[in-house]
């Protein structure tokens, strides 16, 4: 069975993750993660993306969120632990940062918080 990737939409889930989860700040992004306990046999990864007004106007924030969404769909499927929730938070550097550098930031963050799949 393959792993489903879903998005986090409810504010309560974002708040829960920020309070109870672990975080790894990197140069281009901040990753927050928490493992979910799922009694069913479903395998999933949920992620959310956020950008505050501190990083710029709406155009800058939207561009950063698009970058992080594309990055999450590419990287989390390959490297992230199943049955976990992740939030990627944009930083000021996200807008100018190269996508390959953001990818290495995300992989390093997963390694730092020990949320990387076994065997990698």
Protein backbone atom coordinates (compact mmCIF):
# COMPACT_ATOMS: atom_id res chain seq x y z
CA UNK A 1 0.00 0.00 0.00
CA UNK A 2 1.45 3.36 -0.95
CA UNK A 3 1.52 6.37 1.33
CA UNK A 4 -1.13 9.07 0.82
CA UNK A 5 -0.06 12.68 1.06
CA UNK A 6 -2.73 15.05 2.37
CA UNK A 7 -2.81 18.69 3.37
CA UNK A 8 -3.50 20.11 6.81
CA UNK A 9 -6.29 22.66 6.60
CA UNK A 10 -7.61 23.24 10.13
CA UNK A 11 -6.02 25.90 12.31
CA UNK A 12 -6.33 23.61 15.34
CA UNK A 13 -4.00 21.10 13.66
CA UNK A 14 -1.41 23.82 12.99
CA UNK A 15 -1.62 25.03 16.61
CA UNK A 16 -1.40 21.48 18.00
CA UNK A 17 1.68 20.81 15.91
CA UNK A 18 3.40 24.03 16.99
CA UNK A 19 2.77 23.31 20.69
CA UNK A 20 3.38 19.55 20.87
CA UNK A 21 5.65 18.89 17.89
CA UNK A 22 9.36 19.32 17.35
CA UNK A 23 10.86 22.05 15.18
CA UNK A 24 13.99 22.40 13.11
CA UNK A 25 14.90 25.88 11.89
CA UNK A 26 16.99 25.98 8.73
CA UNK A 27 18.26 28.88 6.61
CA UNK A 28 15.42 28.68 4.09
CA UNK A 29 12.55 27.24 6.13
CA UNK A 30 11.36 25.96 9.48
CA UNK A 31 10.01 22.41 9.73
CA UNK A 32 7.64 21.35 12.49
CA UNK A 33 6.73 17.69 12.86
CA UNK A 34 4.67 15.37 15.04
CA UNK A 35 3.94 11.66 14.77
CA UNK A 36 0.31 10.58 14.68
CA UNK A 37 -0.98 7.43 16.24
CA UNK A 38 -3.27 5.80 13.71
CA UNK A 39 -4.96 2.61 14.84
CA UNK A 40 -6.06 1.72 11.32
CA UNK A 41 -3.66 0.37 8.71
CA UNK A 42 -3.74 3.55 6.64
CA UNK A 43 -0.41 5.09 5.74
CA UNK A 44 -0.42 8.84 5.29
CA UNK A 45 1.67 11.97 5.50
CA UNK A 46 -0.07 15.28 6.17
CA UNK A 47 1.60 18.62 5.57
CA UNK A 48 0.78 22.28 5.79
CA UNK A 49 2.53 25.41 4.60
CA UNK A 50 2.44 28.83 6.19
CA UNK A 51 4.01 32.24 5.62
CA UNK A 52 3.59 35.20 7.96
CA UNK A 53 3.34 38.86 7.02
CA UNK A 54 6.88 39.35 8.36
CA UNK A 55 8.37 37.85 5.20
CA UNK A 56 6.71 40.24 2.76
CA UNK A 57 3.59 41.25 0.91
CA UNK A 58 0.96 38.85 -0.49
CA UNK A 59 2.88 38.22 -3.71
CA UNK A 60 6.03 37.22 -1.81
CA UNK A 61 4.09 35.06 0.67
CA UNK A 62 2.19 33.24 -2.08
CA UNK A 63 5.35 32.58 -4.08
CA UNK A 64 7.03 31.17 -0.96
CA UNK A 65 4.05 28.95 -0.20
CA UNK A 66 3.98 27.63 -3.78
CA UNK A 67 7.69 26.79 -3.55
CA UNK A 68 7.25 25.02 -0.22
CA UNK A 69 4.18 23.06 -1.39
CA UNK A 70 6.01 21.77 -4.46
CA UNK A 71 9.02 20.92 -2.32
CA UNK A 72 6.92 19.09 0.27
CA UNK A 73 5.16 16.94 -2.32
CA UNK A 74 8.50 15.98 -3.83
CA UNK A 75 10.57 15.39 -0.68
CA UNK A 76 8.14 14.21 2.01
CA UNK A 77 6.90 11.25 -0.06
CA UNK A 78 10.46 9.98 -0.40
CA UNK A 79 12.00 10.80 2.99
CA UNK A 80 9.34 11.49 5.64
CA UNK A 81 8.05 9.01 8.20
CA UNK A 82 4.58 7.66 7.55
CA UNK A 83 1.67 8.62 9.81
CA UNK A 84 3.19 12.01 10.63
CA UNK A 85 2.16 15.64 10.29
CA UNK A 86 4.52 18.34 9.00
CA UNK A 87 4.32 22.11 8.72
CA UNK A 88 6.74 24.08 6.58
CA UNK A 89 7.11 27.72 7.60
CA UNK A 90 8.53 30.19 5.12
CA UNK A 91 11.35 32.51 6.16
CA UNK A 92 12.59 35.73 4.56
CA UNK A 93 15.29 33.71 2.77
CA UNK A 94 12.73 31.35 1.20
CA UNK A 95 11.77 33.80 -1.54
CA UNK A 96 15.29 34.23 -2.94
CA UNK A 97 16.63 30.76 -2.07
CA UNK A 98 17.21 28.25 -4.86
CA UNK A 99 14.84 25.24 -4.85
CA UNK A 100 17.76 22.79 -4.63
CA UNK A 101 19.03 24.56 -1.50
CA UNK A 102 15.52 24.48 -0.02
CA UNK A 103 15.40 20.75 -0.76
CA UNK A 104 18.64 20.18 1.14
CA UNK A 105 17.29 22.37 3.99
CA UNK A 106 14.18 20.18 4.24
CA UNK A 107 16.15 16.92 4.17
CA UNK A 108 18.55 18.26 6.81
CA UNK A 109 15.58 19.30 8.97
CA UNK A 110 14.07 15.81 8.68
CA UNK A 111 17.41 14.29 9.72
CA UNK A 112 17.80 16.74 12.60
CA UNK A 113 14.44 15.85 14.14
CA UNK A 114 14.93 12.15 13.32
CA UNK A 115 11.79 12.02 11.18
CA UNK A 116 13.48 10.45 8.19
CA UNK A 117 12.51 6.99 6.89
CA UNK A 118 14.69 4.14 8.10
CA UNK A 119 17.31 2.91 5.69
CA UNK A 120 18.14 6.33 4.16
